């Protein structure tokens, strides 16, 4: 399913053989599934050795205990870090430089839960025991510290919701390049101009 996810989500993928042979994200997930099985068999040292080998080969670090569903696609992947108690749902897409990390030394569940068919864009940091709802999108470079509703788009530092709604089937990879802060400032400027015109007419 990981190879099929790469074929579905990457227009540059030309064949399954090419994906299997050259895609670092697919290799990292393959290594992780082995490490995860070893971890569940309580062969934790061997599991960590496999995960560190994978890190050196692919540039992608996934803790052996992390739960990653089938059909996840890690695109490019260099610098991706997925923590011990992280969970990633089926069909989600993770780009390079993403961190699914913790926020401290607390025990128990301390890493994010990413729902199904989510998109975590390049350089995003999703931190702590929070939930990213199904079909949500996290913008590039965002720092997410709170739960994200399903079908929402979040951007910024710290991340905030700028849109709710979108594709409910499949993965919507469209990246909205608009700047919500700029758009809001422009709207406020236009409103100020309108108020100034009203005041001028009132003085006349």
N, C-alpha and C. Protein backbone atom coordinates (compact mmCIF):
# COMPACT_ATOMS: atom_id res chain seq x y z
N UNK A 1 0.82 -1.22 0.00
CA UNK A 1 0.00 0.00 0.00
C UNK A 1 0.85 1.26 0.00
N UNK A 2 2.05 1.20 0.59
CA UNK A 2 2.91 2.38 0.62
C UNK A 2 3.36 2.77 -0.79
N UNK A 3 3.67 1.76 -1.61
CA UNK A 3 4.06 2.04 -2.99
C UNK A 3 2.88 2.60 -3.77
N UNK A 4 1.70 2.04 -3.55
CA UNK A 4 0.49 2.55 -4.22
C UNK A 4 0.22 3.99 -3.82
N UNK A 5 0.46 4.32 -2.54
CA UNK A 5 0.25 5.70 -2.07
C UNK A 5 1.21 6.66 -2.75
N UNK A 6 2.45 6.21 -2.94
CA UNK A 6 3.42 7.05 -3.64
C UNK A 6 3.01 7.27 -5.08
N UNK A 7 2.55 6.23 -5.75
CA UNK A 7 2.09 6.35 -7.13
C UNK A 7 0.89 7.29 -7.24
N UNK A 8 0.02 7.25 -6.25
CA UNK A 8 -1.20 8.07 -6.27
C UNK A 8 -0.90 9.54 -6.01
N UNK A 9 0.05 9.82 -5.12
CA UNK A 9 0.25 11.19 -4.65
C UNK A 9 1.43 11.93 -5.27
N UNK A 10 2.27 11.22 -6.00
CA UNK A 10 3.43 11.88 -6.60
C UNK A 10 3.36 11.80 -8.12
N UNK A 11 3.10 12.94 -8.80
CA UNK A 11 3.01 12.89 -10.26
C UNK A 11 4.32 12.53 -10.94
N UNK A 12 5.44 12.62 -10.19
CA UNK A 12 6.75 12.28 -10.77
C UNK A 12 7.01 10.78 -10.76
N UNK A 13 6.19 10.01 -10.06
CA UNK A 13 6.39 8.56 -9.98
C UNK A 13 5.98 7.91 -11.30
N UNK A 14 6.91 7.19 -11.91
CA UNK A 14 6.65 6.61 -13.23
C UNK A 14 6.32 5.12 -13.18
N UNK A 15 6.82 4.42 -12.18
CA UNK A 15 6.54 2.99 -12.07
C UNK A 15 6.71 2.54 -10.64
N UNK A 16 6.06 1.44 -10.29
CA UNK A 16 6.18 0.89 -8.94
C UNK A 16 7.61 0.44 -8.67
N UNK A 17 8.26 -0.08 -9.69
CA UNK A 17 9.64 -0.52 -9.50
C UNK A 17 10.54 0.66 -9.16
N UNK A 18 10.34 1.79 -9.85
CA UNK A 18 11.13 2.99 -9.56
C UNK A 18 10.89 3.47 -8.14
N UNK A 19 9.62 3.46 -7.72
CA UNK A 19 9.28 3.89 -6.36
C UNK A 19 9.95 2.98 -5.34
N UNK A 20 9.83 1.68 -5.52
CA UNK A 20 10.44 0.72 -4.59
C UNK A 20 11.96 0.88 -4.52
N UNK A 21 12.56 1.18 -5.66
CA UNK A 21 14.01 1.23 -5.74
C UNK A 21 14.60 2.53 -5.22
N UNK A 22 13.89 3.66 -5.40
CA UNK A 22 14.52 4.97 -5.19
C UNK A 22 13.85 5.87 -4.16
N UNK A 23 12.64 5.60 -3.73
CA UNK A 23 11.94 6.55 -2.86
C UNK A 23 12.32 6.33 -1.39
N UNK A 24 12.95 7.33 -0.81
CA UNK A 24 13.42 7.20 0.57
C UNK A 24 12.26 7.04 1.55
N UNK A 25 11.14 7.71 1.29
CA UNK A 25 9.99 7.59 2.18
C UNK A 25 9.44 6.18 2.23
N UNK A 26 9.38 5.54 1.08
CA UNK A 26 8.89 4.16 1.01
C UNK A 26 9.87 3.23 1.73
N UNK A 27 11.16 3.45 1.54
CA UNK A 27 12.16 2.62 2.23
C UNK A 27 12.06 2.80 3.74
N UNK A 28 11.92 4.06 4.18
CA UNK A 28 11.84 4.33 5.62
C UNK A 28 10.63 3.65 6.24
N UNK A 29 9.50 3.68 5.55
CA UNK A 29 8.30 3.04 6.08
C UNK A 29 8.45 1.52 6.11
N UNK A 30 9.13 0.97 5.11
CA UNK A 30 9.38 -0.47 5.09
C UNK A 30 10.26 -0.87 6.27
N UNK A 31 11.32 -0.10 6.50
CA UNK A 31 12.18 -0.37 7.65
C UNK A 31 11.40 -0.22 8.96
N UNK A 32 10.54 0.81 9.00
CA UNK A 32 9.79 1.04 10.24
C UNK A 32 8.86 -0.11 10.55
N UNK A 33 8.24 -0.67 9.54
CA UNK A 33 7.30 -1.76 9.81
C UNK A 33 8.03 -2.97 10.39
N UNK A 34 9.25 -3.20 9.95
CA UNK A 34 10.08 -4.25 10.56
C UNK A 34 10.44 -3.88 11.99
N UNK A 35 10.89 -2.64 12.19
CA UNK A 35 11.28 -2.20 13.53
C UNK A 35 10.10 -2.26 14.50
N UNK A 36 8.92 -1.89 14.01
CA UNK A 36 7.72 -1.91 14.84
C UNK A 36 7.35 -3.32 15.27
N UNK A 37 7.49 -4.28 14.35
CA UNK A 37 7.23 -5.68 14.71
C UNK A 37 8.21 -6.17 15.76
N UNK A 38 9.49 -5.82 15.59
CA UNK A 38 10.50 -6.21 16.58
C UNK A 38 10.21 -5.58 17.93
N UNK A 39 9.78 -4.32 17.90
CA UNK A 39 9.47 -3.61 19.16
C UNK A 39 8.33 -4.30 19.90
N UNK A 40 7.31 -4.71 19.17
CA UNK A 40 6.16 -5.38 19.78
C UNK A 40 6.53 -6.78 20.29
N UNK A 41 7.60 -7.36 19.73
CA UNK A 41 8.11 -8.65 20.21
C UNK A 41 9.06 -8.46 21.40
N UNK A 42 9.18 -7.23 21.88
CA UNK A 42 10.05 -6.85 23.00
C UNK A 42 11.54 -6.95 22.66
N UNK A 43 11.85 -6.97 21.38
CA UNK A 43 13.24 -6.91 20.94
C UNK A 43 13.58 -5.45 20.67
N UNK A 44 13.54 -4.66 21.76
CA UNK A 44 13.58 -3.21 21.60
C UNK A 44 14.94 -2.70 21.14
N UNK A 45 16.01 -3.32 21.59
CA UNK A 45 17.33 -2.87 21.14
C UNK A 45 17.49 -3.13 19.64
N UNK A 46 17.09 -4.30 19.20
CA UNK A 46 17.18 -4.63 17.78
C UNK A 46 16.29 -3.69 16.96
N UNK A 47 15.13 -3.37 17.51
CA UNK A 47 14.22 -2.45 16.82
C UNK A 47 14.87 -1.08 16.66
N UNK A 48 15.54 -0.59 17.71
CA UNK A 48 16.21 0.71 17.62
C UNK A 48 17.38 0.67 16.65
N UNK A 49 18.06 -0.44 16.58
CA UNK A 49 19.16 -0.57 15.62
C UNK A 49 18.62 -0.46 14.19
N UNK A 50 17.49 -1.13 13.92
CA UNK A 50 16.88 -1.05 12.59
C UNK A 50 16.45 0.38 12.28
N UNK A 51 15.84 1.06 13.27
CA UNK A 51 15.36 2.43 13.02
C UNK A 51 16.53 3.39 12.80
N UNK A 52 17.63 3.20 13.51
CA UNK A 52 18.78 4.07 13.31
C UNK A 52 19.49 3.79 11.99
N UNK A 53 19.50 2.53 11.60
CA UNK A 53 20.03 2.19 10.27
C UNK A 53 19.21 2.90 9.19
N UNK A 54 17.90 2.85 9.36
CA UNK A 54 17.02 3.51 8.40
C UNK A 54 17.25 5.02 8.38
N UNK A 55 17.46 5.59 9.57
CA UNK A 55 17.72 7.03 9.65
C UNK A 55 18.96 7.41 8.85
N UNK A 56 20.02 6.62 8.98
CA UNK A 56 21.26 6.92 8.26
C UNK A 56 21.10 6.72 6.77
N UNK A 57 20.27 5.76 6.37
CA UNK A 57 20.08 5.48 4.94
C UNK A 57 19.15 6.49 4.27
N UNK A 58 18.13 6.96 5.01
CA UNK A 58 17.07 7.74 4.37
C UNK A 58 16.96 9.19 4.85
N UNK A 59 17.54 9.49 6.01
CA UNK A 59 17.36 10.83 6.58
C UNK A 59 16.04 11.01 7.28
N UNK A 60 15.31 9.93 7.47
CA UNK A 60 13.99 9.94 8.11
C UNK A 60 14.07 9.14 9.40
N UNK A 61 13.71 9.76 10.52
CA UNK A 61 13.80 9.09 11.82
C UNK A 61 12.42 8.80 12.37
N UNK A 62 12.10 7.53 12.50
CA UNK A 62 10.81 7.10 13.03
C UNK A 62 11.06 6.18 14.22
N UNK A 63 10.52 6.53 15.37
CA UNK A 63 10.68 5.66 16.54
C UNK A 63 9.97 4.33 16.28
N UNK A 64 10.58 3.22 16.69
CA UNK A 64 9.97 1.91 16.42
C UNK A 64 8.57 1.74 16.99
N UNK A 65 8.24 2.46 18.06
CA UNK A 65 6.93 2.30 18.68
C UNK A 65 5.84 3.12 17.99
N UNK A 66 6.21 4.05 17.12
CA UNK A 66 5.20 4.88 16.44
C UNK A 66 4.26 4.00 15.63
N UNK A 67 2.98 4.39 15.58
CA UNK A 67 1.97 3.61 14.86
C UNK A 67 1.65 4.33 13.54
N UNK A 68 2.03 3.73 12.44
CA UNK A 68 1.81 4.33 11.13
C UNK A 68 0.97 3.36 10.29
N UNK A 69 -0.20 3.83 9.88
CA UNK A 69 -1.12 2.98 9.14
C UNK A 69 -0.61 2.73 7.72
N UNK A 70 -1.14 1.71 7.07
CA UNK A 70 -0.77 1.47 5.66
C UNK A 70 -1.20 2.64 4.78
N UNK A 71 -0.49 2.83 3.67
CA UNK A 71 -0.90 3.84 2.70
C UNK A 71 -0.46 5.25 3.02
N UNK A 72 0.43 5.42 4.00
CA UNK A 72 0.99 6.74 4.28
C UNK A 72 2.10 7.01 3.26
N UNK A 73 2.22 8.26 2.83
CA UNK A 73 3.26 8.63 1.87
C UNK A 73 4.14 9.72 2.47
N UNK A 74 5.44 9.45 2.58
CA UNK A 74 6.41 10.45 3.01
C UNK A 74 7.14 10.93 1.77
N UNK A 75 6.85 12.16 1.35
CA UNK A 75 7.41 12.69 0.10
C UNK A 75 8.76 13.34 0.35
N UNK A 76 9.78 12.94 -0.39
CA UNK A 76 11.17 13.36 -0.19
C UNK A 76 11.63 12.90 1.18
N UNK A 77 11.14 13.54 2.25
CA UNK A 77 11.30 12.97 3.58
C UNK A 77 12.50 13.40 4.39
N UNK A 78 13.52 13.98 3.77
CA UNK A 78 14.72 14.34 4.54
C UNK A 78 14.34 15.21 5.74
N UNK A 79 14.81 14.80 6.91
CA UNK A 79 14.57 15.57 8.12
C UNK A 79 13.27 15.27 8.83
N UNK A 80 12.48 14.33 8.34
CA UNK A 80 11.24 13.97 9.02
C UNK A 80 11.57 13.23 10.32
N UNK A 81 10.89 13.62 11.41
CA UNK A 81 11.06 12.96 12.71
C UNK A 81 9.68 12.62 13.25
N UNK A 82 9.46 11.36 13.59
CA UNK A 82 8.18 10.89 14.13
C UNK A 82 8.45 10.22 15.46
N UNK A 83 7.86 10.76 16.52
CA UNK A 83 8.16 10.33 17.88
C UNK A 83 7.49 9.03 18.31
N UNK A 84 7.86 8.60 19.50
CA UNK A 84 7.50 7.28 20.01
C UNK A 84 6.00 7.01 20.06
N UNK A 85 5.21 7.94 20.57
CA UNK A 85 3.78 7.69 20.74
C UNK A 85 2.94 8.35 19.64
N UNK A 86 3.59 8.76 18.56
CA UNK A 86 2.85 9.34 17.43
C UNK A 86 2.03 8.28 16.72
N UNK A 87 0.90 8.72 16.15
CA UNK A 87 0.06 7.85 15.34
C UNK A 87 -0.29 8.59 14.06
N UNK A 88 -0.19 7.91 12.93
CA UNK A 88 -0.49 8.52 11.63
C UNK A 88 -1.51 7.66 10.91
N UNK A 89 -2.62 8.27 10.50
CA UNK A 89 -3.71 7.53 9.89
C UNK A 89 -3.49 7.22 8.43
N UNK A 90 -4.28 6.31 7.94
CA UNK A 90 -4.17 5.81 6.58
C UNK A 90 -4.33 6.92 5.55
N UNK A 91 -3.49 6.90 4.52
CA UNK A 91 -3.64 7.83 3.41
C UNK A 91 -3.08 9.21 3.63
N UNK A 92 -2.44 9.46 4.76
CA UNK A 92 -1.89 10.79 5.02
C UNK A 92 -0.58 10.99 4.25
N UNK A 93 -0.27 12.27 3.99
CA UNK A 93 0.94 12.64 3.25
C UNK A 93 1.79 13.54 4.14
N UNK A 94 3.07 13.21 4.27
CA UNK A 94 4.00 13.98 5.10
C UNK A 94 5.15 14.42 4.21
N UNK A 95 5.44 15.72 4.24
CA UNK A 95 6.52 16.27 3.42
C UNK A 95 7.81 16.42 4.24
N UNK A 96 8.88 16.83 3.57
CA UNK A 96 10.20 16.90 4.19
C UNK A 96 10.23 17.89 5.35
N UNK A 97 11.08 17.58 6.33
CA UNK A 97 11.29 18.49 7.46
C UNK A 97 10.20 18.50 8.51
N UNK A 98 9.23 17.61 8.41
CA UNK A 98 8.12 17.58 9.37
C UNK A 98 8.57 16.91 10.67
N UNK A 99 8.12 17.46 11.80
CA UNK A 99 8.34 16.84 13.11
C UNK A 99 7.00 16.54 13.76
N UNK A 100 6.79 15.30 14.13
CA UNK A 100 5.66 14.92 14.98
C UNK A 100 6.28 14.60 16.33
N UNK A 101 6.42 15.64 17.16
CA UNK A 101 7.24 15.52 18.36
C UNK A 101 6.50 15.78 19.65
N UNK A 102 7.25 15.65 20.74
CA UNK A 102 6.72 15.93 22.08
C UNK A 102 7.09 17.33 22.53
N UNK A 103 6.62 17.68 23.71
CA UNK A 103 6.89 19.02 24.25
C UNK A 103 7.60 18.99 25.59
N UNK A 104 7.96 17.85 26.07
CA UNK A 104 8.61 17.78 27.38
C UNK A 104 9.02 16.37 27.72
N UNK A 105 9.23 16.13 29.01
CA UNK A 105 9.71 14.83 29.47
C UNK A 105 8.61 13.98 30.09
N UNK A 106 7.35 14.39 29.90
CA UNK A 106 6.27 13.62 30.49
C UNK A 106 6.20 12.23 29.87
N UNK A 107 5.65 11.28 30.63
CA UNK A 107 5.50 9.91 30.14
C UNK A 107 4.11 9.76 29.53
N UNK A 108 3.86 8.58 28.99
CA UNK A 108 2.56 8.32 28.38
C UNK A 108 2.46 8.92 26.99
N UNK A 109 1.23 9.14 26.53
CA UNK A 109 1.00 9.68 25.19
C UNK A 109 1.44 11.14 25.15
N UNK A 110 2.48 11.42 24.39
CA UNK A 110 3.04 12.77 24.37
C UNK A 110 3.34 13.27 22.95
N UNK A 111 2.93 12.49 21.95
CA UNK A 111 3.14 12.87 20.56
C UNK A 111 1.79 12.95 19.85
N UNK A 112 1.75 13.57 18.68
CA UNK A 112 0.47 13.81 18.00
C UNK A 112 -0.18 12.56 17.44
N UNK A 113 -1.49 12.69 17.25
CA UNK A 113 -2.27 11.70 16.51
C UNK A 113 -2.76 12.38 15.24
N UNK A 114 -2.33 11.88 14.10
CA UNK A 114 -2.72 12.44 12.81
C UNK A 114 -3.78 11.54 12.21
N UNK A 115 -4.91 12.12 11.82
CA UNK A 115 -6.02 11.35 11.29
C UNK A 115 -5.77 10.82 9.90
N UNK A 116 -6.81 10.34 9.27
CA UNK A 116 -6.70 9.79 7.93
C UNK A 116 -6.72 10.89 6.87
N UNK A 117 -5.97 10.68 5.79
CA UNK A 117 -5.96 11.55 4.61
C UNK A 117 -5.60 13.00 4.95
N UNK A 118 -4.69 13.16 5.88
CA UNK A 118 -4.20 14.51 6.23
C UNK A 118 -2.98 14.85 5.37
N UNK A 119 -2.68 16.15 5.29
CA UNK A 119 -1.47 16.62 4.61
C UNK A 119 -0.69 17.47 5.61
N UNK A 120 0.54 17.06 5.90
CA UNK A 120 1.42 17.82 6.78
C UNK A 120 2.53 18.38 5.90
N UNK A 121 2.49 19.68 5.64
CA UNK A 121 3.37 20.28 4.64
C UNK A 121 4.80 20.47 5.15
N UNK A 122 5.69 20.83 4.23
CA UNK A 122 7.12 20.89 4.50
C UNK A 122 7.45 21.79 5.69
N UNK A 123 8.29 21.27 6.58
CA UNK A 123 8.79 22.05 7.70
C UNK A 123 7.83 22.25 8.85
N UNK A 124 6.64 21.67 8.78
CA UNK A 124 5.66 21.85 9.86
C UNK A 124 6.11 21.10 11.12
N UNK A 125 5.80 21.68 12.27
CA UNK A 125 6.10 21.06 13.55
C UNK A 125 4.78 20.85 14.30
N UNK A 126 4.44 19.61 14.54
CA UNK A 126 3.22 19.26 15.26
C UNK A 126 3.65 18.66 16.58
N UNK A 127 3.36 19.37 17.68
CA UNK A 127 4.00 19.05 18.95
C UNK A 127 2.99 18.75 20.05
N UNK A 128 3.26 17.70 20.79
CA UNK A 128 2.45 17.37 21.96
C UNK A 128 1.36 16.37 21.66
N UNK A 129 0.62 16.01 22.70
CA UNK A 129 -0.47 15.05 22.60
C UNK A 129 -1.71 15.75 22.07
N UNK A 130 -1.69 16.04 20.77
CA UNK A 130 -2.81 16.72 20.12
C UNK A 130 -3.30 15.86 18.97
N UNK A 131 -4.47 16.22 18.44
CA UNK A 131 -5.09 15.45 17.37
C UNK A 131 -5.27 16.32 16.14
N UNK A 132 -4.82 15.81 15.01
CA UNK A 132 -5.08 16.43 13.72
C UNK A 132 -6.23 15.66 13.08
N UNK A 133 -7.37 16.31 12.90
CA UNK A 133 -8.56 15.63 12.42
C UNK A 133 -8.42 15.12 11.00
N UNK A 134 -9.29 14.20 10.63
CA UNK A 134 -9.26 13.61 9.29
C UNK A 134 -9.33 14.69 8.21
N UNK A 135 -8.55 14.51 7.15
CA UNK A 135 -8.55 15.38 5.97
C UNK A 135 -8.09 16.80 6.27
N UNK A 136 -7.44 17.01 7.41
CA UNK A 136 -6.92 18.35 7.73
C UNK A 136 -5.62 18.60 6.98
N UNK A 137 -5.28 19.90 6.84
CA UNK A 137 -4.04 20.28 6.16
C UNK A 137 -3.27 21.24 7.07
N UNK A 138 -2.00 20.96 7.25
CA UNK A 138 -1.11 21.82 8.03
C UNK A 138 -0.16 22.50 7.05
N UNK A 139 -0.15 23.83 7.06
CA UNK A 139 0.65 24.59 6.10
C UNK A 139 2.14 24.47 6.36
N UNK A 140 2.92 24.80 5.34
CA UNK A 140 4.38 24.72 5.44
C UNK A 140 4.89 25.65 6.54
N UNK A 141 5.77 25.11 7.37
CA UNK A 141 6.40 25.91 8.42
C UNK A 141 5.52 26.19 9.62
N UNK A 142 4.31 25.66 9.65
CA UNK A 142 3.41 25.91 10.77
C UNK A 142 3.91 25.19 12.03
N UNK A 143 3.59 25.77 13.19
CA UNK A 143 3.87 25.14 14.47
C UNK A 143 2.52 24.89 15.15
N UNK A 144 2.13 23.62 15.21
CA UNK A 144 0.80 23.26 15.70
C UNK A 144 0.91 22.79 17.14
N UNK A 145 0.19 23.49 18.04
CA UNK A 145 0.25 23.18 19.46
C UNK A 145 -1.11 22.80 20.03
N UNK A 146 -2.16 22.91 19.21
CA UNK A 146 -3.51 22.59 19.65
C UNK A 146 -4.19 21.68 18.63
N UNK A 147 -5.28 21.04 19.06
CA UNK A 147 -6.03 20.17 18.17
C UNK A 147 -6.48 20.91 16.92
N UNK A 148 -6.52 20.20 15.81
CA UNK A 148 -6.98 20.75 14.53
C UNK A 148 -8.25 20.01 14.13
N UNK A 149 -9.34 20.73 13.84
CA UNK A 149 -10.59 20.05 13.46
C UNK A 149 -10.45 19.31 12.13
N UNK A 150 -11.31 18.35 11.92
CA UNK A 150 -11.34 17.65 10.64
C UNK A 150 -11.64 18.62 9.51
N UNK A 151 -11.02 18.41 8.36
CA UNK A 151 -11.23 19.20 7.14
C UNK A 151 -10.79 20.65 7.29
N UNK A 152 -9.97 20.96 8.29
CA UNK A 152 -9.49 22.32 8.49
C UNK A 152 -8.11 22.51 7.87
N UNK A 153 -7.80 23.77 7.54
CA UNK A 153 -6.46 24.15 7.11
C UNK A 153 -5.90 25.09 8.16
N UNK A 154 -4.67 24.81 8.65
CA UNK A 154 -4.05 25.67 9.65
C UNK A 154 -2.70 26.15 9.13
N UNK A 155 -2.38 27.41 9.45
CA UNK A 155 -1.10 27.98 9.04
C UNK A 155 -0.58 28.86 10.17
N UNK A 156 0.71 29.19 10.12
CA UNK A 156 1.28 30.19 11.01
C UNK A 156 1.99 29.62 12.22
N UNK A 157 2.56 30.56 13.00
CA UNK A 157 3.28 30.24 14.23
C UNK A 157 2.76 31.15 15.34
N UNK A 158 2.02 30.62 16.31
CA UNK A 158 1.47 29.26 16.33
C UNK A 158 0.36 29.10 15.30
N UNK A 159 0.09 27.88 14.90
CA UNK A 159 -0.88 27.63 13.84
C UNK A 159 -2.29 28.01 14.26
N UNK A 160 -3.05 28.56 13.30
CA UNK A 160 -4.44 28.90 13.53
C UNK A 160 -5.26 28.46 12.33
N UNK A 161 -6.52 28.21 12.56
CA UNK A 161 -7.41 27.74 11.49
C UNK A 161 -7.74 28.90 10.56
N UNK A 162 -7.52 28.71 9.27
CA UNK A 162 -7.86 29.73 8.28
C UNK A 162 -8.98 29.28 7.35
N UNK A 163 -9.29 28.00 7.38
CA UNK A 163 -10.37 27.51 6.52
C UNK A 163 -10.82 26.16 7.04
N UNK A 164 -12.12 25.92 6.96
CA UNK A 164 -12.68 24.61 7.27
C UNK A 164 -13.50 24.17 6.08
N UNK A 165 -13.19 23.00 5.58
CA UNK A 165 -13.87 22.49 4.39
C UNK A 165 -12.85 22.07 3.37
N UNK A 166 -13.24 21.16 2.52
CA UNK A 166 -12.33 20.67 1.49
C UNK A 166 -12.68 19.27 1.09
N UNK A 167 -11.73 18.59 0.51
CA UNK A 167 -11.97 17.25 0.00
C UNK A 167 -12.27 16.28 1.13
N UNK A 168 -13.35 15.51 0.97
CA UNK A 168 -13.68 14.48 1.94
C UNK A 168 -13.30 13.09 1.42
N UNK A 169 -12.89 13.01 0.17
CA UNK A 169 -12.49 11.75 -0.41
C UNK A 169 -11.10 11.92 -1.01
N UNK A 170 -10.21 11.02 -0.67
CA UNK A 170 -8.84 11.14 -1.16
C UNK A 170 -8.08 12.21 -0.42
N UNK A 171 -6.90 12.54 -0.93
CA UNK A 171 -6.03 13.54 -0.29
C UNK A 171 -5.98 14.77 -1.17
N UNK A 172 -6.33 15.92 -0.61
CA UNK A 172 -6.27 17.18 -1.34
C UNK A 172 -4.88 17.78 -1.16
N UNK A 173 -4.05 17.67 -2.19
CA UNK A 173 -2.66 18.14 -2.10
C UNK A 173 -2.50 19.59 -2.52
N UNK A 174 -3.60 20.25 -2.89
CA UNK A 174 -3.48 21.64 -3.32
C UNK A 174 -2.99 22.50 -2.16
N UNK A 175 -1.95 23.30 -2.44
CA UNK A 175 -1.38 24.17 -1.43
C UNK A 175 -1.85 25.60 -1.66
N UNK A 176 -2.64 26.12 -0.76
CA UNK A 176 -3.13 27.49 -0.86
C UNK A 176 -1.98 28.44 -0.54
N UNK A 177 -1.59 29.24 -1.53
CA UNK A 177 -0.43 30.13 -1.36
C UNK A 177 -0.83 31.51 -0.85
N UNK A 178 -2.09 31.72 -0.58
CA UNK A 178 -2.52 33.03 -0.09
C UNK A 178 -2.02 33.27 1.33
N UNK A 179 -1.88 34.54 1.68
CA UNK A 179 -1.42 34.94 3.01
C UNK A 179 -2.63 35.44 3.79
N UNK A 180 -3.15 34.66 4.75
CA UNK A 180 -4.37 35.08 5.45
C UNK A 180 -4.18 36.36 6.25
N UNK A 181 -2.97 36.61 6.77
CA UNK A 181 -2.73 37.85 7.52
C UNK A 181 -2.80 39.05 6.58
N UNK A 182 -2.16 38.92 5.40
CA UNK A 182 -2.22 40.00 4.43
C UNK A 182 -3.65 40.25 3.98
N UNK A 183 -4.40 39.18 3.72
CA UNK A 183 -5.79 39.34 3.28
C UNK A 183 -6.62 40.06 4.32
N UNK A 184 -6.39 39.73 5.59
CA UNK A 184 -7.15 40.38 6.67
C UNK A 184 -6.79 41.85 6.78
N UNK A 185 -5.49 42.17 6.65
CA UNK A 185 -5.04 43.56 6.71
C UNK A 185 -5.62 44.38 5.55
N UNK A 186 -5.67 43.77 4.37
CA UNK A 186 -6.24 44.46 3.21
C UNK A 186 -7.73 44.74 3.43
N UNK A 187 -8.43 43.76 4.01
CA UNK A 187 -9.85 43.96 4.28
C UNK A 187 -10.06 45.08 5.31
N UNK A 188 -9.21 45.12 6.33
CA UNK A 188 -9.31 46.18 7.34
C UNK A 188 -9.00 47.55 6.72
N UNK A 189 -8.01 47.59 5.82
CA UNK A 189 -7.67 48.85 5.17
C UNK A 189 -8.83 49.37 4.35
N UNK A 190 -9.47 48.48 3.60
CA UNK A 190 -10.62 48.89 2.79
C UNK A 190 -11.76 49.40 3.68
N UNK A 191 -11.93 48.75 4.82
CA UNK A 191 -12.99 49.20 5.74
C UNK A 191 -12.68 50.58 6.30
N UNK A 192 -11.40 50.81 6.61
CA UNK A 192 -11.00 52.14 7.12
C UNK A 192 -11.24 53.20 6.07
N UNK A 193 -10.88 52.90 4.81
CA UNK A 193 -11.14 53.85 3.72
C UNK A 193 -12.62 54.18 3.62
N UNK A 194 -13.47 53.15 3.72
CA UNK A 194 -14.91 53.37 3.62
C UNK A 194 -15.42 54.23 4.76
N UNK A 195 -14.90 53.98 5.98
CA UNK A 195 -15.33 54.79 7.13
C UNK A 195 -14.87 56.23 6.98
N UNK A 196 -13.63 56.44 6.47
CA UNK A 196 -13.12 57.79 6.26
C UNK A 196 -13.97 58.54 5.24
N UNK A 197 -14.41 57.85 4.18
CA UNK A 197 -15.26 58.49 3.18
C UNK A 197 -16.61 58.88 3.78
N UNK A 198 -17.14 58.02 4.63
CA UNK A 198 -18.41 58.34 5.29
C UNK A 198 -18.27 59.56 6.20
N UNK A 199 -17.15 59.62 6.91
CA UNK A 199 -16.91 60.78 7.81
C UNK A 199 -16.76 62.06 7.02
N UNK A 200 -16.06 61.98 5.86
CA UNK A 200 -15.92 63.17 5.03
C UNK A 200 -17.25 63.66 4.52
N UNK A 201 -18.08 62.73 4.08
CA UNK A 201 -19.41 63.12 3.60
C UNK A 201 -20.26 63.71 4.72
N UNK A 202 -20.05 63.19 5.93
CA UNK A 202 -20.78 63.74 7.07
C UNK A 202 -20.38 65.16 7.39
N UNK A 203 -19.05 65.45 7.25
CA UNK A 203 -18.58 66.82 7.51
C UNK A 203 -19.11 67.80 6.48
N UNK A 204 -19.24 67.33 5.22
CA UNK A 204 -19.77 68.20 4.15
C UNK A 204 -21.24 68.50 4.38
